[in-house]
Amino acid sequence: MRIMGLDVGEKTIGVAISDPMGWTAQGITVIRRTSLKEDFASLRKIIEEYDVKKFVLGLPIRTDGSFGPETEKMYKFADKLKREFNLPVEYWDERFSTASAERILLEGDVSRAKRRNLIDKVAATVILQAYLDRKG
């Protein structure tokens, strides 16, 4: 069963997909957000191509463990996602996922310009891989 990991931001959505066995996560793309309709159209293509059966969304939790307005926005996005695709949604604490993604890209000696374009996809991969590791 393939799972789609999402790192949802104001301007972009980082997308990662699990392998069919649910062991590893692979970054797929970064969707530049324009409208919810277009965002969902882009996601639909990936869902159909990979036969996705579940979403894992990075949940923005503050470093002290509390929820803020960003968390509420994610819950609202998740509700719309569930209604649109009729697939289950699980959440994963995304604290430090962007920092981990940045470290991975730095260790890979990726230039600053390229890091900016890859960071959300790698963050989605980090979120999904952490989820898979915990569930596996």
N, C-alpha and C. Protein backbone atom coordinates (compact mmCIF):
# COMPACT_ATOMS: atom_id res chain seq x y z
N MET A 1 0.84 -1.18 0.00
CA MET A 1 0.00 0.00 0.00
C MET A 1 0.88 1.24 0.00
N ARG A 2 0.71 2.06 -0.99
CA ARG A 2 1.50 3.29 -1.07
C ARG A 2 0.87 4.40 -0.24
N ILE A 3 1.75 5.15 0.42
CA ILE A 3 1.34 6.26 1.26
C ILE A 3 1.98 7.52 0.71
N MET A 4 1.22 8.62 0.71
CA MET A 4 1.73 9.91 0.26
C MET A 4 2.03 10.77 1.47
N GLY A 5 3.25 11.25 1.57
CA GLY A 5 3.64 12.18 2.61
C GLY A 5 3.61 13.60 2.07
N LEU A 6 3.04 14.51 2.85
CA LEU A 6 2.91 15.90 2.41
C LEU A 6 3.49 16.85 3.44
N ASP A 7 4.29 17.79 2.95
CA ASP A 7 4.77 18.91 3.75
C ASP A 7 4.09 20.14 3.17
N VAL A 8 2.98 20.54 3.79
CA VAL A 8 2.13 21.59 3.24
C VAL A 8 2.53 22.93 3.83
N GLY A 9 2.85 23.86 2.93
CA GLY A 9 3.16 25.23 3.33
C GLY A 9 2.23 26.21 2.64
N GLU A 10 2.45 27.47 2.90
CA GLU A 10 1.63 28.52 2.29
C GLU A 10 1.84 28.59 0.78
N LYS A 11 3.08 28.42 0.33
CA LYS A 11 3.42 28.59 -1.09
C LYS A 11 3.66 27.29 -1.83
N THR A 12 4.01 26.24 -1.10
CA THR A 12 4.36 24.97 -1.75
C THR A 12 3.83 23.78 -0.96
N ILE A 13 3.77 22.65 -1.66
CA ILE A 13 3.48 21.36 -1.01
C ILE A 13 4.57 20.40 -1.45
N GLY A 14 5.37 19.95 -0.50
CA GLY A 14 6.35 18.92 -0.78
C GLY A 14 5.66 17.57 -0.77
N VAL A 15 5.97 16.72 -1.75
CA VAL A 15 5.29 15.44 -1.91
C VAL A 15 6.32 14.30 -1.92
N ALA A 16 6.03 13.27 -1.11
CA ALA A 16 6.84 12.05 -1.09
C ALA A 16 5.88 10.87 -1.16
N ILE A 17 6.38 9.74 -1.68
CA ILE A 17 5.59 8.53 -1.84
C ILE A 17 6.38 7.37 -1.24
N SER A 18 5.67 6.46 -0.59
CA SER A 18 6.33 5.26 -0.08
C SER A 18 6.45 4.23 -1.21
N ASP A 19 7.35 3.28 -1.01
CA ASP A 19 7.41 2.14 -1.92
C ASP A 19 6.17 1.28 -1.64
N PRO A 20 5.84 0.33 -2.51
CA PRO A 20 4.63 -0.48 -2.31
C PRO A 20 4.59 -1.25 -0.99
N MET A 21 5.75 -1.60 -0.44
CA MET A 21 5.80 -2.35 0.81
C MET A 21 5.71 -1.44 2.04
N GLY A 22 5.84 -0.13 1.83
CA GLY A 22 5.77 0.80 2.95
C GLY A 22 7.02 0.85 3.79
N TRP A 23 8.17 0.61 3.17
CA TRP A 23 9.44 0.62 3.89
C TRP A 23 10.22 1.91 3.70
N THR A 24 10.19 2.45 2.48
CA THR A 24 11.01 3.62 2.20
C THR A 24 10.18 4.74 1.57
N ALA A 25 10.63 5.96 1.80
CA ALA A 25 9.98 7.14 1.24
C ALA A 25 10.87 7.74 0.17
N GLN A 26 10.26 8.22 -0.89
CA GLN A 26 10.99 8.87 -1.97
C GLN A 26 10.32 10.20 -2.29
N GLY A 27 11.11 11.26 -2.34
CA GLY A 27 10.58 12.57 -2.73
C GLY A 27 10.16 12.54 -4.19
N ILE A 28 8.99 13.09 -4.48
CA ILE A 28 8.45 13.07 -5.83
C ILE A 28 8.52 14.44 -6.49
N THR A 29 7.95 15.45 -5.80
CA THR A 29 7.86 16.77 -6.43
C THR A 29 7.56 17.83 -5.39
N VAL A 30 7.59 19.06 -5.84
CA VAL A 30 7.11 20.20 -5.07
C VAL A 30 6.03 20.87 -5.91
N ILE A 31 4.86 20.99 -5.34
CA ILE A 31 3.74 21.64 -6.01
C ILE A 31 3.74 23.10 -5.60
N ARG A 32 3.80 23.99 -6.58
CA ARG A 32 3.69 25.43 -6.31
C ARG A 32 2.21 25.73 -6.16
N ARG A 33 1.82 26.21 -4.99
CA ARG A 33 0.40 26.41 -4.70
C ARG A 33 -0.15 27.61 -5.46
N THR A 34 -1.31 27.40 -6.07
CA THR A 34 -2.00 28.49 -6.77
C THR A 34 -3.42 28.64 -6.24
N SER A 35 -4.16 27.53 -6.21
CA SER A 35 -5.51 27.50 -5.67
C SER A 35 -5.75 26.08 -5.16
N LEU A 36 -6.70 25.93 -4.30
CA LEU A 36 -6.99 24.59 -3.77
C LEU A 36 -7.38 23.65 -4.90
N LYS A 37 -8.15 24.15 -5.84
CA LYS A 37 -8.57 23.32 -6.98
C LYS A 37 -7.36 22.83 -7.77
N GLU A 38 -6.43 23.70 -8.08
CA GLU A 38 -5.22 23.32 -8.82
C GLU A 38 -4.30 22.44 -7.98
N ASP A 39 -4.20 22.74 -6.69
CA ASP A 39 -3.38 21.92 -5.80
C ASP A 39 -3.90 20.48 -5.80
N PHE A 40 -5.22 20.34 -5.68
CA PHE A 40 -5.82 19.01 -5.65
C PHE A 40 -5.72 18.32 -7.01
N ALA A 41 -5.78 19.07 -8.09
CA ALA A 41 -5.62 18.47 -9.42
C ALA A 41 -4.21 17.89 -9.55
N SER A 42 -3.22 18.61 -9.07
CA SER A 42 -1.84 18.11 -9.11
C SER A 42 -1.69 16.87 -8.24
N LEU A 43 -2.27 16.90 -7.05
CA LEU A 43 -2.21 15.73 -6.16
C LEU A 43 -2.94 14.54 -6.77
N ARG A 44 -4.07 14.78 -7.42
CA ARG A 44 -4.86 13.70 -8.02
C ARG A 44 -4.03 12.92 -9.04
N LYS A 45 -3.26 13.63 -9.86
CA LYS A 45 -2.42 12.95 -10.85
C LYS A 45 -1.44 11.99 -10.18
N ILE A 46 -0.84 12.44 -9.09
CA ILE A 46 0.14 11.61 -8.39
C ILE A 46 -0.56 10.44 -7.70
N ILE A 47 -1.70 10.71 -7.09
CA ILE A 47 -2.47 9.67 -6.40
C ILE A 47 -2.84 8.56 -7.38
N GLU A 48 -3.29 8.94 -8.55
CA GLU A 48 -3.68 7.95 -9.56
C GLU A 48 -2.47 7.21 -10.11
N GLU A 49 -1.39 7.94 -10.36
CA GLU A 49 -0.18 7.30 -10.92
C GLU A 49 0.40 6.25 -9.97
N TYR A 50 0.40 6.56 -8.68
CA TYR A 50 1.03 5.67 -7.70
C TYR A 50 0.03 4.82 -6.91
N ASP A 51 -1.25 4.97 -7.18
CA ASP A 51 -2.30 4.23 -6.47
C ASP A 51 -2.18 4.42 -4.96
N VAL A 52 -2.14 5.67 -4.54
CA VAL A 52 -2.00 6.05 -3.13
C VAL A 52 -3.25 5.65 -2.35
N LYS A 53 -3.06 5.13 -1.14
CA LYS A 53 -4.17 4.68 -0.30
C LYS A 53 -4.29 5.45 1.01
N LYS A 54 -3.30 6.30 1.32
CA LYS A 54 -3.33 7.04 2.59
C LYS A 54 -2.43 8.26 2.48
N PHE A 55 -2.76 9.29 3.26
CA PHE A 55 -1.93 10.49 3.38
C PHE A 55 -1.30 10.53 4.77
N VAL A 56 -0.07 11.03 4.82
CA VAL A 56 0.56 11.42 6.08
C VAL A 56 0.95 12.87 5.93
N LEU A 57 0.37 13.71 6.77
CA LEU A 57 0.64 15.14 6.71
C LEU A 57 1.54 15.55 7.85
N GLY A 58 2.53 16.36 7.52
CA GLY A 58 3.35 16.94 8.57
C GLY A 58 2.51 17.92 9.36
N LEU A 59 2.48 17.75 10.68
CA LEU A 59 1.68 18.61 11.54
C LEU A 59 2.60 19.61 12.22
N PRO A 60 2.36 20.90 11.96
CA PRO A 60 3.22 21.94 12.55
C PRO A 60 2.93 22.13 14.04
N ILE A 61 3.82 21.61 14.85
CA ILE A 61 3.71 21.74 16.30
C ILE A 61 4.87 22.61 16.77
N ARG A 62 4.58 23.49 17.68
CA ARG A 62 5.64 24.37 18.20
C ARG A 62 6.67 23.56 18.97
N THR A 63 7.86 24.11 19.12
CA THR A 63 8.93 23.38 19.79
C THR A 63 8.59 23.03 21.23
N ASP A 64 7.68 23.80 21.86
CA ASP A 64 7.27 23.48 23.22
C ASP A 64 6.15 22.44 23.25
N GLY A 65 5.73 21.94 22.06
CA GLY A 65 4.70 20.92 21.98
C GLY A 65 3.28 21.45 21.85
N SER A 66 3.12 22.76 21.85
CA SER A 66 1.77 23.33 21.76
C SER A 66 1.35 23.50 20.30
N PHE A 67 0.06 23.67 20.11
CA PHE A 67 -0.51 23.90 18.79
C PHE A 67 -0.72 25.39 18.59
N GLY A 68 -0.51 25.84 17.36
CA GLY A 68 -0.74 27.24 17.03
C GLY A 68 -1.68 27.36 15.86
N PRO A 69 -1.79 28.55 15.30
CA PRO A 69 -2.69 28.76 14.16
C PRO A 69 -2.31 27.92 12.94
N GLU A 70 -1.02 27.61 12.78
CA GLU A 70 -0.58 26.78 11.66
C GLU A 70 -1.15 25.37 11.78
N THR A 71 -1.25 24.88 13.00
CA THR A 71 -1.81 23.56 13.23
C THR A 71 -3.28 23.52 12.81
N GLU A 72 -4.01 24.55 13.19
CA GLU A 72 -5.43 24.64 12.83
C GLU A 72 -5.59 24.69 11.30
N LYS A 73 -4.72 25.43 10.63
CA LYS A 73 -4.77 25.48 9.16
C LYS A 73 -4.55 24.09 8.56
N MET A 74 -3.65 23.33 9.16
CA MET A 74 -3.37 21.99 8.64
C MET A 74 -4.56 21.08 8.83
N TYR A 75 -5.23 21.18 9.98
CA TYR A 75 -6.43 20.37 10.21
C TYR A 75 -7.52 20.71 9.19
N LYS A 76 -7.67 21.98 8.87
CA LYS A 76 -8.67 22.39 7.88
C LYS A 76 -8.30 21.87 6.50
N PHE A 77 -7.02 21.95 6.14
CA PHE A 77 -6.56 21.42 4.86
C PHE A 77 -6.81 19.91 4.81
N ALA A 78 -6.52 19.22 5.90
CA ALA A 78 -6.71 17.76 5.96
C ALA A 78 -8.18 17.40 5.78
N ASP A 79 -9.08 18.17 6.37
CA ASP A 79 -10.51 17.90 6.20
C ASP A 79 -10.91 18.01 4.74
N LYS A 80 -10.41 19.02 4.06
CA LYS A 80 -10.71 19.19 2.63
C LYS A 80 -10.10 18.05 1.81
N LEU A 81 -8.90 17.64 2.19
CA LEU A 81 -8.21 16.54 1.52
C LEU A 81 -9.02 15.24 1.65
N LYS A 82 -9.50 14.96 2.86
CA LYS A 82 -10.31 13.76 3.09
C LYS A 82 -11.58 13.78 2.26
N ARG A 83 -12.25 14.93 2.24
CA ARG A 83 -13.50 15.03 1.47
C ARG A 83 -13.25 14.88 -0.03
N GLU A 84 -12.16 15.45 -0.51
CA GLU A 84 -11.86 15.42 -1.95
C GLU A 84 -11.48 14.02 -2.43
N PHE A 85 -10.65 13.31 -1.65
CA PHE A 85 -10.07 12.05 -2.13
C PHE A 85 -10.60 10.81 -1.41
N ASN A 86 -11.33 11.01 -0.34
CA ASN A 86 -11.91 9.89 0.41
C ASN A 86 -10.84 8.87 0.81
N LEU A 87 -9.70 9.38 1.28
CA LEU A 87 -8.60 8.55 1.77
C LEU A 87 -8.29 8.95 3.21
N PRO A 88 -7.82 7.99 4.02
CA PRO A 88 -7.48 8.34 5.40
C PRO A 88 -6.28 9.27 5.47
N VAL A 89 -6.29 10.10 6.51
CA VAL A 89 -5.20 11.04 6.76
C VAL A 89 -4.66 10.78 8.16
N GLU A 90 -3.36 10.65 8.25
CA GLU A 90 -2.69 10.58 9.54
C GLU A 90 -1.73 11.76 9.62
N TYR A 91 -1.36 12.11 10.84
CA TYR A 91 -0.49 13.26 11.06
C TYR A 91 0.83 12.80 11.65
N TRP A 92 1.87 13.54 11.33
CA TRP A 92 3.18 13.27 11.90
C TRP A 92 3.79 14.59 12.31
N ASP A 93 4.32 14.62 13.50
CA ASP A 93 4.97 15.82 14.04
C ASP A 93 6.11 16.22 13.11
N GLU A 94 5.98 17.40 12.52
CA GLU A 94 6.99 17.83 11.55
C GLU A 94 8.07 18.72 12.16
N ARG A 95 8.07 18.84 13.49
CA ARG A 95 9.13 19.65 14.09
C ARG A 95 10.49 19.15 13.62
N PHE A 96 11.30 20.06 13.21
CA PHE A 96 12.68 19.79 12.80
C PHE A 96 12.80 19.07 11.46
N SER A 97 11.68 18.80 10.75
CA SER A 97 11.79 18.12 9.45
C SER A 97 12.51 18.99 8.44
N THR A 98 12.23 20.29 8.44
CA THR A 98 12.91 21.18 7.50
C THR A 98 14.39 21.29 7.85
N ALA A 99 14.69 21.34 9.14
CA ALA A 99 16.10 21.39 9.56
C ALA A 99 16.82 20.11 9.16
N SER A 100 16.15 18.97 9.31
CA SER A 100 16.74 17.69 8.89
C SER A 100 16.95 17.67 7.39
N ALA A 101 15.97 18.17 6.65
CA ALA A 101 16.08 18.23 5.19
C ALA A 101 17.24 19.12 4.78
N GLU A 102 17.37 20.25 5.44
CA GLU A 102 18.47 21.18 5.14
C GLU A 102 19.81 20.50 5.40
N ARG A 103 19.92 19.78 6.50
CA ARG A 103 21.17 19.08 6.83
C ARG A 103 21.50 18.02 5.79
N ILE A 104 20.48 17.28 5.35
CA ILE A 104 20.68 16.25 4.32
C ILE A 104 21.21 16.88 3.04
N LEU A 105 20.61 17.99 2.65
CA LEU A 105 21.03 18.66 1.41
C LEU A 105 22.42 19.26 1.55
N LEU A 106 22.73 19.79 2.72
CA LEU A 106 24.08 20.33 2.94
C LEU A 106 25.12 19.22 2.88
N GLU A 107 24.80 18.08 3.51
CA GLU A 107 25.73 16.94 3.49
C GLU A 107 25.92 16.42 2.07
N GLY A 108 24.90 16.58 1.24
CA GLY A 108 24.99 16.17 -0.16
C GLY A 108 25.64 17.22 -1.04
N ASP A 109 26.11 18.31 -0.41
CA ASP A 109 26.80 19.38 -1.11
C ASP A 109 25.93 20.01 -2.21
N VAL A 110 24.64 20.15 -1.91
CA VAL A 110 23.71 20.77 -2.86
C VAL A 110 23.80 22.27 -2.71
N SER A 111 23.88 22.97 -3.84
CA SER A 111 24.03 24.42 -3.81
C SER A 111 22.83 25.10 -3.16
N ARG A 112 23.03 26.31 -2.69
CA ARG A 112 21.96 27.05 -2.02
C ARG A 112 20.75 27.22 -2.94
N ALA A 113 20.95 27.53 -4.19
CA ALA A 113 19.84 27.72 -5.14
C ALA A 113 19.04 26.42 -5.32
N LYS A 114 19.74 25.33 -5.45
CA LYS A 114 19.06 24.04 -5.61
C LYS A 114 18.37 23.60 -4.32
N ARG A 115 18.99 23.91 -3.17
CA ARG A 115 18.37 23.55 -1.88
C ARG A 115 17.00 24.21 -1.75
N ARG A 116 16.90 25.46 -2.17
CA ARG A 116 15.64 26.20 -2.06
C ARG A 116 14.53 25.48 -2.85
N ASN A 117 14.88 24.88 -3.98
CA ASN A 117 13.90 24.18 -4.80
C ASN A 117 13.59 22.77 -4.31
N LEU A 118 14.49 22.19 -3.53
CA LEU A 118 14.33 20.80 -3.10
C LEU A 118 13.86 20.64 -1.66
N ILE A 119 13.98 21.68 -0.86
CA ILE A 119 13.80 21.55 0.59
C ILE A 119 12.43 20.97 0.97
N ASP A 120 11.36 21.40 0.32
CA ASP A 120 10.02 20.92 0.69
C ASP A 120 9.83 19.45 0.32
N LYS A 121 10.38 19.04 -0.82
CA LYS A 121 10.30 17.63 -1.23
C LYS A 121 11.09 16.75 -0.25
N VAL A 122 12.25 17.20 0.15
CA VAL A 122 13.06 16.43 1.10
C VAL A 122 12.39 16.43 2.48
N ALA A 123 11.79 17.54 2.88
CA ALA A 123 11.07 17.58 4.16
C ALA A 123 9.91 16.59 4.16
N ALA A 124 9.17 16.51 3.05
CA ALA A 124 8.07 15.54 2.93
C ALA A 124 8.62 14.12 3.05
N THR A 125 9.77 13.88 2.47
CA THR A 125 10.42 12.57 2.54
C THR A 125 10.82 12.24 3.97
N VAL A 126 11.37 13.22 4.68
CA VAL A 126 11.77 13.02 6.08
C VAL A 126 10.54 12.69 6.93
N ILE A 127 9.45 13.42 6.73
CA ILE A 127 8.21 13.19 7.48
C ILE A 127 7.70 11.78 7.21
N LEU A 128 7.59 11.43 5.94
CA LEU A 128 7.05 10.12 5.58
C LEU A 128 7.96 8.99 6.06
N GLN A 129 9.27 9.14 5.92
CA GLN A 129 10.19 8.08 6.36
C GLN A 129 10.11 7.89 7.87
N ALA A 130 10.01 8.97 8.63
CA ALA A 130 9.86 8.85 10.07
C ALA A 130 8.58 8.10 10.43
N TYR A 131 7.51 8.42 9.73
CA TYR A 131 6.23 7.72 9.93
C TYR A 131 6.39 6.22 9.62
N LEU A 132 6.98 5.90 8.46
CA LEU A 132 7.16 4.51 8.06
C LEU A 132 8.03 3.75 9.06
N ASP A 133 9.10 4.39 9.52
CA ASP A 133 10.00 3.75 10.48
C ASP A 133 9.26 3.44 11.78
N ARG A 134 8.43 4.35 12.22
CA ARG A 134 7.69 4.15 13.46
C ARG A 134 6.64 3.07 13.32
N LYS A 135 5.96 3.05 12.18
CA LYS A 135 4.88 2.07 11.95
C LYS A 135 5.43 0.69 11.63
N GLY A 136 6.64 0.66 11.06
CA GLY A 136 7.22 -0.62 10.64
C GLY A 136 7.77 -1.39 11.78
